[in-house]
């Protein structure tokens, strides 16, 4: 039973696998920042160890309510202090592995929510 029509006017993750993520059918082989407002761009960090606080602080400028962070092939958490600027702006950050973040982003974007996804894609 379909309760709500899918939004067709937003970016969607259409596939993922080791070393790639597809957005609207186009494969990317690097970490991505994607928003339901149509922003799609490479995201700087290539490994979890390369992450910096600034990689998350810029979320406050995107006009989203919630962000999902895909931490790579397994679940890993960032230091709580990195989330403080987001909480001060009432921006929620959900942390999960990258495949789960792709699925969660699609659900939230499909509901019409202003959402961003930071998808860490580590070398395969």
PDB file of N, CA and C in Angstrom:
ATOM      1  N   UNK A   1       0.853  -1.167   0.000  1.00  0.00           N
ATOM      2  CA  UNK A   1       0.000   0.000   0.000  1.00  0.00           C
ATOM      3  C   UNK A   1       0.900   1.232   0.000  1.00  0.00           C
ATOM      4  N   UNK A   2       0.659   2.095  -0.945  1.00  0.00           N
ATOM      5  CA  UNK A   2       1.433   3.329  -1.046  1.00  0.00           C
ATOM      6  C   UNK A   2       0.686   4.424  -0.316  1.00  0.00           C
ATOM      7  N   UNK A   3       1.340   5.025   0.679  1.00  0.00           N
ATOM      8  CA  UNK A   3       0.688   6.057   1.478  1.00  0.00           C
ATOM      9  C   UNK A   3       1.015   7.456   0.999  1.00  0.00           C
ATOM     10  N   UNK A   4       2.128   7.615   0.334  1.00  0.00           N
ATOM     11  CA  UNK A   4       2.556   8.939  -0.092  1.00  0.00           C
ATOM     12  C   UNK A   4       3.329   8.787  -1.396  1.00  0.00           C
ATOM     13  N   UNK A   5       3.055   9.638  -2.375  1.00  0.00           N
ATOM     14  CA  UNK A   5       3.810   9.522  -3.628  1.00  0.00           C
ATOM     15  C   UNK A   5       5.274   9.890  -3.425  1.00  0.00           C
ATOM     16  N   UNK A   6       6.134   9.216  -4.171  1.00  0.00           N
ATOM     17  CA  UNK A   6       7.553   9.553  -4.127  1.00  0.00           C
ATOM     18  C   UNK A   6       7.778  10.889  -4.817  1.00  0.00           C
ATOM     19  N   UNK A   7       8.687  11.664  -4.274  1.00  0.00           N
ATOM     20  CA  UNK A   7       9.048  12.933  -4.917  1.00  0.00           C
ATOM     21  C   UNK A   7       9.992  12.613  -6.072  1.00  0.00           C
ATOM     22  N   UNK A   8       9.734  13.186  -7.205  1.00  0.00           N
ATOM     23  CA  UNK A   8      10.570  12.933  -8.369  1.00  0.00           C
ATOM     24  C   UNK A   8      11.481  14.125  -8.682  1.00  0.00           C
ATOM     25  N   UNK A   9      11.391  15.196  -7.905  1.00  0.00           N
ATOM     26  CA  UNK A   9      12.143  16.410  -8.201  1.00  0.00           C
ATOM     27  C   UNK A   9      13.351  16.595  -7.287  1.00  0.00           C
ATOM     28  N   UNK A  10      13.872  15.523  -6.742  1.00  0.00           N
ATOM     29  CA  UNK A  10      15.011  15.618  -5.837  1.00  0.00           C
ATOM     30  C   UNK A  10      16.064  14.598  -6.233  1.00  0.00           C
ATOM     31  N   UNK A  11      17.278  14.810  -5.779  1.00  0.00           N
ATOM     32  CA  UNK A  11      18.341  13.844  -6.019  1.00  0.00           C
ATOM     33  C   UNK A  11      18.092  12.602  -5.173  1.00  0.00           C
ATOM     34  N   UNK A  12      18.394  11.442  -5.736  1.00  0.00           N
ATOM     35  CA  UNK A  12      18.222  10.185  -5.013  1.00  0.00           C
ATOM     36  C   UNK A  12      19.440   9.302  -5.234  1.00  0.00           C
ATOM     37  N   UNK A  13      19.804   8.556  -4.210  1.00  0.00           N
ATOM     38  CA  UNK A  13      20.846   7.545  -4.345  1.00  0.00           C
ATOM     39  C   UNK A  13      20.189   6.346  -5.016  1.00  0.00           C
ATOM     40  N   UNK A  14      20.686   5.998  -6.197  1.00  0.00           N
ATOM     41  CA  UNK A  14      20.066   4.925  -6.972  1.00  0.00           C
ATOM     42  C   UNK A  14      20.855   3.625  -6.927  1.00  0.00           C
ATOM     43  N   UNK A  15      21.994   3.633  -6.264  1.00  0.00           N
ATOM     44  CA  UNK A  15      22.770   2.411  -6.106  1.00  0.00           C
ATOM     45  C   UNK A  15      24.061   2.701  -5.366  1.00  0.00           C
ATOM     46  N   UNK A  16      24.662   1.650  -4.834  1.00  0.00           N
ATOM     47  CA  UNK A  16      25.956   1.788  -4.170  1.00  0.00           C
ATOM     48  C   UNK A  16      26.606   0.423  -4.099  1.00  0.00           C
ATOM     49  N   UNK A  17      27.894   0.432  -4.001  1.00  0.00           N
ATOM     50  CA  UNK A  17      28.666  -0.791  -3.881  1.00  0.00           C
ATOM     51  C   UNK A  17      30.074  -0.433  -3.447  1.00  0.00           C
ATOM     52  N   UNK A  18      30.945  -1.424  -3.331  1.00  0.00           N
ATOM     53  CA  UNK A  18      32.320  -1.134  -2.918  1.00  0.00           C
ATOM     54  C   UNK A  18      32.982  -0.161  -3.903  1.00  0.00           C
ATOM     55  N   UNK A  19      33.335   1.024  -3.421  1.00  0.00           N
ATOM     56  CA  UNK A  19      34.042   1.991  -4.239  1.00  0.00           C
ATOM     57  C   UNK A  19      33.192   2.896  -5.103  1.00  0.00           C
ATOM     58  N   UNK A  20      31.869   2.844  -4.983  1.00  0.00           N
ATOM     59  CA  UNK A  20      31.022   3.728  -5.794  1.00  0.00           C
ATOM     60  C   UNK A  20      29.670   3.985  -5.145  1.00  0.00           C
ATOM     61  N   UNK A  21      29.088   5.133  -5.514  1.00  0.00           N
ATOM     62  CA  UNK A  21      27.721   5.508  -5.151  1.00  0.00           C
ATOM     63  C   UNK A  21      27.103   6.107  -6.406  1.00  0.00           C
ATOM     64  N   UNK A  22      25.889   5.714  -6.742  1.00  0.00           N
ATOM     65  CA  UNK A  22      25.189   6.281  -7.897  1.00  0.00           C
ATOM     66  C   UNK A  22      24.108   7.237  -7.405  1.00  0.00           C
ATOM     67  N   UNK A  23      24.072   8.426  -7.991  1.00  0.00           N
ATOM     68  CA  UNK A  23      23.049   9.425  -7.690  1.00  0.00           C
ATOM     69  C   UNK A  23      22.321   9.721  -8.994  1.00  0.00           C
ATOM     70  N   UNK A  24      21.014   9.487  -8.987  1.00  0.00           N
ATOM     71  CA  UNK A  24      20.195   9.645 -10.191  1.00  0.00           C
ATOM     72  C   UNK A  24      20.830   8.917 -11.378  1.00  0.00           C
ATOM     73  N   UNK A  25      21.351   7.720 -11.110  1.00  0.00           N
ATOM     74  CA  UNK A  25      21.899   6.870 -12.152  1.00  0.00           C
ATOM     75  C   UNK A  25      23.343   7.139 -12.537  1.00  0.00           C
ATOM     76  N   UNK A  26      23.955   8.176 -12.007  1.00  0.00           N
ATOM     77  CA  UNK A  26      25.340   8.513 -12.345  1.00  0.00           C
ATOM     78  C   UNK A  26      26.272   8.042 -11.237  1.00  0.00           C
ATOM     79  N   UNK A  27      27.263   7.224 -11.609  1.00  0.00           N
ATOM     80  CA  UNK A  27      28.202   6.679 -10.625  1.00  0.00           C
ATOM     81  C   UNK A  27      29.265   7.694 -10.223  1.00  0.00           C
ATOM     82  N   UNK A  28      29.564   7.701  -8.927  1.00  0.00           N
ATOM     83  CA  UNK A  28      30.620   8.544  -8.370  1.00  0.00           C
ATOM     84  C   UNK A  28      31.557   7.635  -7.583  1.00  0.00           C
ATOM     85  N   UNK A  29      32.850   7.923  -7.659  1.00  0.00           N
ATOM     86  CA  UNK A  29      33.841   7.089  -6.981  1.00  0.00           C
ATOM     87  C   UNK A  29      34.622   7.874  -5.935  1.00  0.00           C
ATOM     88  N   UNK A  30      33.922   8.789  -5.266  1.00  0.00           N
ATOM     89  CA  UNK A  30      34.528   9.599  -4.207  1.00  0.00           C
ATOM     90  C   UNK A  30      33.438   9.938  -3.200  1.00  0.00           C
ATOM     91  N   UNK A  31      33.838  10.388  -2.030  1.00  0.00           N
ATOM     92  CA  UNK A  31      32.869  10.791  -1.007  1.00  0.00           C
ATOM     93  C   UNK A  31      32.003  11.920  -1.553  1.00  0.00           C
ATOM     94  N   UNK A  32      30.730  11.956  -1.098  1.00  0.00           N
ATOM     95  CA  UNK A  32      29.765  12.913  -1.639  1.00  0.00           C
ATOM     96  C   UNK A  32      29.038  13.679  -0.550  1.00  0.00           C
ATOM     97  N   UNK A  33      28.674  14.905  -0.898  1.00  0.00           N
ATOM     98  CA  UNK A  33      27.689  15.696  -0.162  1.00  0.00           C
ATOM     99  C   UNK A  33      26.493  15.820  -1.088  1.00  0.00           C
ATOM    100  N   UNK A  34      25.328  15.438  -0.607  1.00  0.00           N
ATOM    101  CA  UNK A  34      24.111  15.487  -1.407  1.00  0.00           C
ATOM    102  C   UNK A  34      22.998  16.067  -0.544  1.00  0.00           C
ATOM    103  N   UNK A  35      22.154  16.905  -1.137  1.00  0.00           N
ATOM    104  CA  UNK A  35      21.007  17.439  -0.400  1.00  0.00           C
ATOM    105  C   UNK A  35      19.740  17.246  -1.212  1.00  0.00           C
ATOM    106  N   UNK A  36      18.634  17.240  -0.501  1.00  0.00           N
ATOM    107  CA  UNK A  36      17.333  17.123  -1.158  1.00  0.00           C
ATOM    108  C   UNK A  36      16.982  18.393  -1.918  1.00  0.00           C
ATOM    109  N   UNK A  37      17.761  19.455  -1.716  1.00  0.00           N
ATOM    110  CA  UNK A  37      17.544  20.718  -2.434  1.00  0.00           C
ATOM    111  C   UNK A  37      18.319  20.759  -3.749  1.00  0.00           C
ATOM    112  N   UNK A  38      18.990  19.671  -4.089  1.00  0.00           N
ATOM    113  CA  UNK A  38      19.650  19.580  -5.385  1.00  0.00           C
ATOM    114  C   UNK A  38      21.148  19.774  -5.398  1.00  0.00           C
ATOM    115  N   UNK A  39      21.770  19.901  -4.237  1.00  0.00           N
ATOM    116  CA  UNK A  39      23.225  20.052  -4.185  1.00  0.00           C
ATOM    117  C   UNK A  39      23.878  18.677  -4.244  1.00  0.00           C
ATOM    118  N   UNK A  40      24.803  18.509  -5.156  1.00  0.00           N
ATOM    119  CA  UNK A  40      25.585  17.279  -5.270  1.00  0.00           C
ATOM    120  C   UNK A  40      27.014  17.695  -5.571  1.00  0.00           C
ATOM    121  N   UNK A  41      27.925  17.370  -4.655  1.00  0.00           N
ATOM    122  CA  UNK A  41      29.321  17.741  -4.878  1.00  0.00           C
ATOM    123  C   UNK A  41      30.234  16.761  -4.165  1.00  0.00           C
ATOM    124  N   UNK A  42      31.486  16.675  -4.638  1.00  0.00           N
ATOM    125  CA  UNK A  42      32.449  15.842  -3.922  1.00  0.00           C
ATOM    126  C   UNK A  42      32.616  16.365  -2.498  1.00  0.00           C
ATOM    127  N   UNK A  43      32.854  15.437  -1.583  1.00  0.00           N
ATOM    128  CA  UNK A  43      33.103  15.784  -0.185  1.00  0.00           C
ATOM    129  C   UNK A  43      34.558  15.450   0.098  1.00  0.00           C
ATOM    130  N   UNK A  44      35.289  16.334   0.724  1.00  0.00           N
ATOM    131  CA  UNK A  44      36.737  16.263   0.864  1.00  0.00           C
ATOM    132  C   UNK A  44      37.304  14.961   1.433  1.00  0.00           C
ATOM    133  N   UNK A  45      36.824  14.457   2.566  1.00  0.00           N
ATOM    134  CA  UNK A  45      37.537  13.326   3.176  1.00  0.00           C
ATOM    135  C   UNK A  45      37.436  12.049   2.337  1.00  0.00           C
ATOM    136  N   UNK A  46      38.573  11.360   2.241  1.00  0.00           N
ATOM    137  CA  UNK A  46      38.599  10.084   1.530  1.00  0.00           C
ATOM    138  C   UNK A  46      38.672   8.901   2.492  1.00  0.00           C
ATOM    139  N   UNK A  47      38.974   9.182   3.762  1.00  0.00           N
ATOM    140  CA  UNK A  47      39.012   8.134   4.785  1.00  0.00           C
ATOM    141  C   UNK A  47      38.413   8.692   6.070  1.00  0.00           C
ATOM    142  N   UNK A  48      38.009   7.808   6.947  1.00  0.00           N
ATOM    143  CA  UNK A  48      37.455   8.239   8.228  1.00  0.00           C
ATOM    144  C   UNK A  48      38.500   9.021   9.021  1.00  0.00           C
ATOM    145  N   UNK A  49      39.730   8.580   8.949  1.00  0.00           N
ATOM    146  CA  UNK A  49      40.809   9.226   9.703  1.00  0.00           C
ATOM    147  C   UNK A  49      41.095  10.646   9.198  1.00  0.00           C
ATOM    148  N   UNK A  50      40.698  10.966   7.985  1.00  0.00           N
ATOM    149  CA  UNK A  50      40.932  12.299   7.408  1.00  0.00           C
ATOM    150  C   UNK A  50      39.853  13.313   7.789  1.00  0.00           C
ATOM    151  N   UNK A  51      38.808  12.877   8.486  1.00  0.00           N
ATOM    152  CA  UNK A  51      37.723  13.790   8.857  1.00  0.00           C
ATOM    153  C   UNK A  51      38.210  14.887   9.794  1.00  0.00           C
ATOM    154  N   UNK A  52      37.613  16.075   9.629  1.00  0.00           N
ATOM    155  CA  UNK A  52      37.912  17.231  10.477  1.00  0.00           C
ATOM    156  C   UNK A  52      36.601  17.886  10.890  1.00  0.00           C
ATOM    157  N   UNK A  53      36.595  18.671  11.967  1.00  0.00           N
ATOM    158  CA  UNK A  53      35.362  19.347  12.391  1.00  0.00           C
ATOM    159  C   UNK A  53      34.722  20.187  11.283  1.00  0.00           C
ATOM    160  N   UNK A  54      35.533  20.833  10.457  1.00  0.00           N
ATOM    161  CA  UNK A  54      34.991  21.684   9.383  1.00  0.00           C
ATOM    162  C   UNK A  54      34.179  20.887   8.368  1.00  0.00           C
ATOM    163  N   UNK A  55      34.446  19.588   8.246  1.00  0.00           N
ATOM    164  CA  UNK A  55      33.690  18.746   7.316  1.00  0.00           C
ATOM    165  C   UNK A  55      32.225  18.637   7.724  1.00  0.00           C
ATOM    166  N   UNK A  56      31.928  18.918   8.988  1.00  0.00           N
ATOM    167  CA  UNK A  56      30.556  18.855   9.489  1.00  0.00           C
ATOM    168  C   UNK A  56      29.980  20.242   9.746  1.00  0.00           C
ATOM    169  N   UNK A  57      30.823  21.193  10.140  1.00  0.00           N
ATOM    170  CA  UNK A  57      30.346  22.541  10.478  1.00  0.00           C
ATOM    171  C   UNK A  57      29.656  23.212   9.301  1.00  0.00           C
ATOM    172  N   UNK A  58      30.086  22.919   8.075  1.00  0.00           N
ATOM    173  CA  UNK A  58      29.478  23.559   6.906  1.00  0.00           C
ATOM    174  C   UNK A  58      28.018  23.158   6.706  1.00  0.00           C
ATOM    175  N   UNK A  59      27.564  22.123   7.380  1.00  0.00           N
ATOM    176  CA  UNK A  59      26.154  21.722   7.269  1.00  0.00           C
ATOM    177  C   UNK A  59      25.211  22.828   7.731  1.00  0.00           C
ATOM    178  N   UNK A  60      25.667  23.671   8.631  1.00  0.00           N
ATOM    179  CA  UNK A  60      24.801  24.735   9.161  1.00  0.00           C
ATOM    180  C   UNK A  60      24.442  25.765   8.098  1.00  0.00           C
ATOM    181  N   UNK A  61      25.163  25.785   6.991  1.00  0.00           N
ATOM    182  CA  UNK A  61      24.932  26.761   5.926  1.00  0.00           C
ATOM    183  C   UNK A  61      24.025  26.239   4.817  1.00  0.00           C
ATOM    184  N   UNK A  62      23.566  25.005   4.914  1.00  0.00           N
ATOM    185  CA  UNK A  62      22.843  24.383   3.807  1.00  0.00           C
ATOM    186  C   UNK A  62      21.325  24.513   3.894  1.00  0.00           C
ATOM    187  N   UNK A  63      20.802  24.998   5.003  1.00  0.00           N
ATOM    188  CA  UNK A  63      19.360  25.150   5.129  1.00  0.00           C
ATOM    189  C   UNK A  63      18.601  23.841   5.240  1.00  0.00           C
ATOM    190  N   UNK A  64      19.220  22.841   5.863  1.00  0.00           N
ATOM    191  CA  UNK A  64      18.551  21.556   6.068  1.00  0.00           C
ATOM    192  C   UNK A  64      18.198  21.393   7.547  1.00  0.00           C
ATOM    193  N   UNK A  65      17.257  20.497   7.827  1.00  0.00           N
ATOM    194  CA  UNK A  65      16.837  20.222   9.209  1.00  0.00           C
ATOM    195  C   UNK A  65      17.588  19.052   9.819  1.00  0.00           C
ATOM    196  N   UNK A  66      17.994  18.138   8.957  1.00  0.00           N
ATOM    197  CA  UNK A  66      18.637  16.916   9.431  1.00  0.00           C
ATOM    198  C   UNK A  66      19.705  16.516   8.428  1.00  0.00           C
ATOM    199  N   UNK A  67      20.751  15.894   8.943  1.00  0.00           N
ATOM    200  CA  UNK A  67      21.812  15.373   8.088  1.00  0.00           C
ATOM    201  C   UNK A  67      22.093  13.940   8.509  1.00  0.00           C
ATOM    202  N   UNK A  68      22.443  13.132   7.535  1.00  0.00           N
ATOM    203  CA  UNK A  68      22.875  11.768   7.817  1.00  0.00           C
ATOM    204  C   UNK A  68      24.335  11.658   7.379  1.00  0.00           C
ATOM    205  N   UNK A  69      25.125  11.049   8.233  1.00  0.00           N
ATOM    206  CA  UNK A  69      26.544  10.846   7.946  1.00  0.00           C
ATOM    207  C   UNK A  69      26.793   9.367   7.776  1.00  0.00           C
ATOM    208  N   UNK A  70      27.234   8.985   6.598  1.00  0.00           N
ATOM    209  CA  UNK A  70      27.636   7.617   6.327  1.00  0.00           C
ATOM    210  C   UNK A  70      29.118   7.473   6.596  1.00  0.00           C
ATOM    211  N   UNK A  71      29.477   6.706   7.620  1.00  0.00           N
ATOM    212  CA  UNK A  71      30.854   6.633   8.117  1.00  0.00           C
ATOM    213  C   UNK A  71      31.723   5.610   7.392  1.00  0.00           C
ATOM    214  N   UNK A  72      31.292   5.159   6.231  1.00  0.00           N
ATOM    215  CA  UNK A  72      32.056   4.162   5.488  1.00  0.00           C
ATOM    216  C   UNK A  72      31.386   2.807   5.566  1.00  0.00           C
ATOM    217  N   UNK A  73      32.167   1.759   5.391  1.00  0.00           N
ATOM    218  CA  UNK A  73      31.605   0.408   5.349  1.00  0.00           C
ATOM    219  C   UNK A  73      31.153  -0.103   6.712  1.00  0.00           C
ATOM    220  N   UNK A  74      31.571   0.579   7.775  1.00  0.00           N
ATOM    221  CA  UNK A  74      31.128   0.178   9.116  1.00  0.00           C
ATOM    222  C   UNK A  74      30.795   1.422   9.933  1.00  0.00           C
ATOM    223  N   UNK A  75      30.026   1.232  10.963  1.00  0.00           N
ATOM    224  CA  UNK A  75      29.591   2.335  11.821  1.00  0.00           C
ATOM    225  C   UNK A  75      30.744   2.804  12.699  1.00  0.00           C
ATOM    226  N   UNK A  76      31.051   4.101  12.615  1.00  0.00           N
ATOM    227  CA  UNK A  76      32.068   4.733  13.452  1.00  0.00           C
ATOM    228  C   UNK A  76      31.538   6.110  13.829  1.00  0.00           C
ATOM    229  N   UNK A  77      31.849   6.545  15.026  1.00  0.00           N
ATOM    230  CA  UNK A  77      31.316   7.808  15.534  1.00  0.00           C
ATOM    231  C   UNK A  77      32.382   8.903  15.530  1.00  0.00           C
ATOM    232  N   UNK A  78      31.929  10.132  15.286  1.00  0.00           N
ATOM    233  CA  UNK A  78      32.811  11.295  15.362  1.00  0.00           C
ATOM    234  C   UNK A  78      32.798  11.818  16.802  1.00  0.00           C
ATOM    235  N   UNK A  79      33.786  12.622  17.185  1.00  0.00           N
ATOM    236  CA  UNK A  79      33.787  13.184  18.541  1.00  0.00           C
ATOM    237  C   UNK A  79      32.547  14.052  18.783  1.00  0.00           C
ATOM    238  N   UNK A  80      31.927  13.945  19.952  1.00  0.00           N
ATOM    239  CA  UNK A  80      30.731  14.750  20.249  1.00  0.00           C
ATOM    240  C   UNK A  80      30.945  16.251  20.064  1.00  0.00           C
ATOM    241  N   UNK A  81      32.142  16.747  20.321  1.00  0.00           N
ATOM    242  CA  UNK A  81      32.402  18.189  20.173  1.00  0.00           C
ATOM    243  C   UNK A  81      32.192  18.656  18.738  1.00  0.00           C
ATOM    244  N   UNK A  82      32.377  17.768  17.767  1.00  0.00           N
ATOM    245  CA  UNK A  82      32.176  18.142  16.370  1.00  0.00           C
ATOM    246  C   UNK A  82      30.700  18.383  16.063  1.00  0.00           C
ATOM    247  N   UNK A  83      29.826  17.791  16.868  1.00  0.00           N
ATOM    248  CA  UNK A  83      28.388  17.940  16.644  1.00  0.00           C
ATOM    249  C   UNK A  83      27.811  19.174  17.338  1.00  0.00           C
ATOM    250  N   UNK A  84      28.556  19.785  18.256  1.00  0.00           N
ATOM    251  CA  UNK A  84      28.044  20.916  19.035  1.00  0.00           C
ATOM    252  C   UNK A  84      27.559  22.074  18.167  1.00  0.00           C
ATOM    253  N   UNK A  85      28.296  22.495  17.121  1.00  0.00           N
ATOM    254  CA  UNK A  85      27.784  23.594  16.293  1.00  0.00           C
ATOM    255  C   UNK A  85      26.461  23.241  15.601  1.00  0.00           C
ATOM    256  N   UNK A  86      26.293  21.978  15.284  1.00  0.00           N
ATOM    257  CA  UNK A  86      25.053  21.542  14.635  1.00  0.00           C
ATOM    258  C   UNK A  86      23.894  21.595  15.623  1.00  0.00           C
ATOM    259  N   UNK A  87      24.128  21.097  16.823  1.00  0.00           N
ATOM    260  CA  UNK A  87      23.077  21.114  17.841  1.00  0.00           C
ATOM    261  C   UNK A  87      22.686  22.541  18.200  1.00  0.00           C
ATOM    262  N   UNK A  88      23.659  23.456  18.225  1.00  0.00           N
ATOM    263  CA  UNK A  88      23.369  24.857  18.533  1.00  0.00           C
ATOM    264  C   UNK A  88      22.447  25.478  17.488  1.00  0.00           C
ATOM    265  N   UNK A  89      22.496  24.950  16.269  1.00  0.00           N
ATOM    266  CA  UNK A  89      21.626  25.438  15.181  1.00  0.00           C
ATOM    267  C   UNK A  89      20.380  24.566  15.023  1.00  0.00           C
ATOM    268  N   UNK A  90      20.177  23.648  15.962  1.00  0.00           N
ATOM    269  CA  UNK A  90      19.027  22.736  15.931  1.00  0.00           C
ATOM    270  C   UNK A  90      19.009  21.872  14.669  1.00  0.00           C
ATOM    271  N   UNK A  91      20.190  21.451  14.253  1.00  0.00           N
ATOM    272  CA  UNK A  91      20.338  20.582  13.095  1.00  0.00           C
ATOM    273  C   UNK A  91      20.719  19.200  13.603  1.00  0.00           C
ATOM    274  N   UNK A  92      19.887  18.226  13.331  1.00  0.00           N
ATOM    275  CA  UNK A  92      20.153  16.869  13.786  1.00  0.00           C
ATOM    276  C   UNK A  92      21.140  16.159  12.882  1.00  0.00           C
ATOM    277  N   UNK A  93      22.024  15.358  13.471  1.00  0.00           N
ATOM    278  CA  UNK A  93      22.981  14.550  12.719  1.00  0.00           C
ATOM    279  C   UNK A  93      22.812  13.102  13.140  1.00  0.00           C
ATOM    280  N   UNK A  94      22.468  12.271  12.184  1.00  0.00           N
ATOM    281  CA  UNK A  94      22.348  10.833  12.424  1.00  0.00           C
ATOM    282  C   UNK A  94      23.569  10.157  11.822  1.00  0.00           C
ATOM    283  N   UNK A  95      24.184   9.264  12.576  1.00  0.00           N
ATOM    284  CA  UNK A  95      25.409   8.597  12.142  1.00  0.00           C
ATOM    285  C   UNK A  95      25.117   7.120  11.925  1.00  0.00           C
ATOM    286  N   UNK A  96      25.552   6.616  10.781  1.00  0.00           N
ATOM    287  CA  UNK A  96      25.337   5.215  10.414  1.00  0.00           C
ATOM    288  C   UNK A  96      26.373   4.833   9.365  1.00  0.00           C
ATOM    289  N   UNK A  97      26.431   3.566   8.980  1.00  0.00           N
ATOM    290  CA  UNK A  97      27.348   3.212   7.900  1.00  0.00           C
ATOM    291  C   UNK A  97      26.817   3.800   6.587  1.00  0.00           C
ATOM    292  N   UNK A  98      27.668   3.877   5.580  1.00  0.00           N
ATOM    293  CA  UNK A  98      27.282   4.560   4.342  1.00  0.00           C
ATOM    294  C   UNK A  98      26.095   3.907   3.632  1.00  0.00           C
ATOM    295  N   UNK A  99      26.012   2.580   3.505  1.00  0.00           N
ATOM    296  CA  UNK A  99      24.814   2.021   2.864  1.00  0.00           C
ATOM    297  C   UNK A  99      23.517   2.409   3.586  1.00  0.00           C
ATOM    298  N   UNK A 100      23.516   2.379   4.912  1.00  0.00           N
ATOM    299  CA  UNK A 100      22.320   2.778   5.667  1.00  0.00           C
ATOM    300  C   UNK A 100      22.036   4.264   5.479  1.00  0.00           C
ATOM    301  N   UNK A 101      23.081   5.088   5.401  1.00  0.00           N
ATOM    302  CA  UNK A 101      22.887   6.526   5.188  1.00  0.00           C
ATOM    303  C   UNK A 101      22.271   6.793   3.818  1.00  0.00           C
ATOM    304  N   UNK A 102      22.668   6.031   2.817  1.00  0.00           N
ATOM    305  CA  UNK A 102      22.070   6.181   1.479  1.00  0.00           C
ATOM    306  C   UNK A 102      20.572   5.895   1.533  1.00  0.00           C
ATOM    307  N   UNK A 103      20.200   4.812   2.178  1.00  0.00           N
ATOM    308  CA  UNK A 103      18.776   4.445   2.269  1.00  0.00           C
ATOM    309  C   UNK A 103      17.998   5.464   3.087  1.00  0.00           C
ATOM    310  N   UNK A 104      18.563   5.906   4.203  1.00  0.00           N
ATOM    311  CA  UNK A 104      17.878   6.876   5.065  1.00  0.00           C
ATOM    312  C   UNK A 104      17.703   8.208   4.352  1.00  0.00           C
ATOM    313  N   UNK A 105      18.733   8.661   3.653  1.00  0.00           N
ATOM    314  CA  UNK A 105      18.621   9.899   2.874  1.00  0.00           C
ATOM    315  C   UNK A 105      17.459   9.786   1.883  1.00  0.00           C
ATOM    316  N   UNK A 106      17.390   8.679   1.156  1.00  0.00           N
ATOM    317  CA  UNK A 106      16.316   8.513   0.165  1.00  0.00           C
ATOM    318  C   UNK A 106      14.935   8.585   0.801  1.00  0.00           C
ATOM    319  N   UNK A 107      14.772   7.971   1.954  1.00  0.00           N
ATOM    320  CA  UNK A 107      13.468   8.001   2.632  1.00  0.00           C
ATOM    321  C   UNK A 107      13.110   9.427   3.020  1.00  0.00           C
ATOM    322  N   UNK A 108      14.044  10.128   3.654  1.00  0.00           N
ATOM    323  CA  UNK A 108      13.765  11.497   4.103  1.00  0.00           C
ATOM    324  C   UNK A 108      13.552  12.443   2.919  1.00  0.00           C
ATOM    325  N   UNK A 109      14.373  12.331   1.894  1.00  0.00           N
ATOM    326  CA  UNK A 109      14.207  13.182   0.710  1.00  0.00           C
ATOM    327  C   UNK A 109      12.891  12.864   0.009  1.00  0.00           C
ATOM    328  N   UNK A 110      12.528  11.583  -0.045  1.00  0.00           N
ATOM    329  CA  UNK A 110      11.271  11.180  -0.667  1.00  0.00           C
ATOM    330  C   UNK A 110      10.054  11.720   0.061  1.00  0.00           C
ATOM    331  N   UNK A 111      10.200  11.971   1.357  1.00  0.00           N
ATOM    332  CA  UNK A 111       9.120  12.577   2.146  1.00  0.00           C
ATOM    333  C   UNK A 111       9.083  14.092   1.992  1.00  0.00           C
ATOM    334  N   UNK A 112      10.035  14.650   1.241  1.00  0.00           N
ATOM    335  CA  UNK A 112      10.074  16.096   1.063  1.00  0.00           C
ATOM    336  C   UNK A 112      10.783  16.841   2.173  1.00  0.00           C
ATOM    337  N   UNK A 113      11.523  16.126   3.006  1.00  0.00           N
ATOM    338  CA  UNK A 113      12.247  16.762   4.118  1.00  0.00           C
ATOM    339  C   UNK A 113      13.514  17.436   3.608  1.00  0.00           C
ATOM    340  N   UNK A 114      13.886  18.590   4.173  1.00  0.00           N
ATOM    341  CA  UNK A 114      15.168  19.209   3.824  1.00  0.00           C
ATOM    342  C   UNK A 114      16.304  18.458   4.529  1.00  0.00           C
ATOM    343  N   UNK A 115      17.003  17.617   3.786  1.00  0.00           N
ATOM    344  CA  UNK A 115      17.993  16.709   4.353  1.00  0.00           C
ATOM    345  C   UNK A 115      19.288  16.782   3.549  1.00  0.00           C
ATOM    346  N   UNK A 116      20.394  16.550   4.237  1.00  0.00           N
ATOM    347  CA  UNK A 116      21.702  16.426   3.598  1.00  0.00           C
ATOM    348  C   UNK A 116      22.291  15.073   3.979  1.00  0.00           C
ATOM    349  N   UNK A 117      23.102  14.532   3.089  1.00  0.00           N
ATOM    350  CA  UNK A 117      23.835  13.304   3.383  1.00  0.00           C
ATOM    351  C   UNK A 117      25.312  13.540   3.107  1.00  0.00           C
ATOM    352  N   UNK A 118      26.121  13.191   4.080  1.00  0.00           N
ATOM    353  CA  UNK A 118      27.574  13.181   3.939  1.00  0.00           C
ATOM    354  C   UNK A 118      27.959  11.715   3.825  1.00  0.00           C
ATOM    355  N   UNK A 119      28.365  11.312   2.648  1.00  0.00           N
ATOM    356  CA  UNK A 119      28.584   9.896   2.369  1.00  0.00           C
ATOM    357  C   UNK A 119      30.070   9.634   2.167  1.00  0.00           C
ATOM    358  N   UNK A 120      30.689   9.024   3.161  1.00  0.00           N
ATOM    359  CA  UNK A 120      32.109   8.702   3.102  1.00  0.00           C
ATOM    360  C   UNK A 120      32.281   7.447   2.264  1.00  0.00           C
ATOM    361  N   UNK A 121      33.045   7.580   1.200  1.00  0.00           N
ATOM    362  CA  UNK A 121      33.310   6.455   0.312  1.00  0.00           C
ATOM    363  C   UNK A 121      34.807   6.195   0.349  1.00  0.00           C
ATOM    364  N   UNK A 122      35.182   5.191   1.110  1.00  0.00           N
ATOM    365  CA  UNK A 122      36.595   4.869   1.256  1.00  0.00           C
ATOM    366  C   UNK A 122      37.043   3.997   0.091  1.00  0.00           C
ATOM    367  N   UNK A 123      38.331   4.037  -0.238  1.00  0.00           N
ATOM    368  CA  UNK A 123      38.826   3.218  -1.345  1.00  0.00           C
ATOM    369  C   UNK A 123      38.482   1.750  -1.139  1.00  0.00           C
ATOM    370  N   UNK A 124      38.079   1.107  -2.220  1.00  0.00           N
ATOM    371  CA  UNK A 124      37.676  -0.315  -2.141  1.00  0.00           C
ATOM    372  C   UNK A 124      38.874  -1.220  -2.013  1.00  0.00           C
TER     373      UNK A 124
END
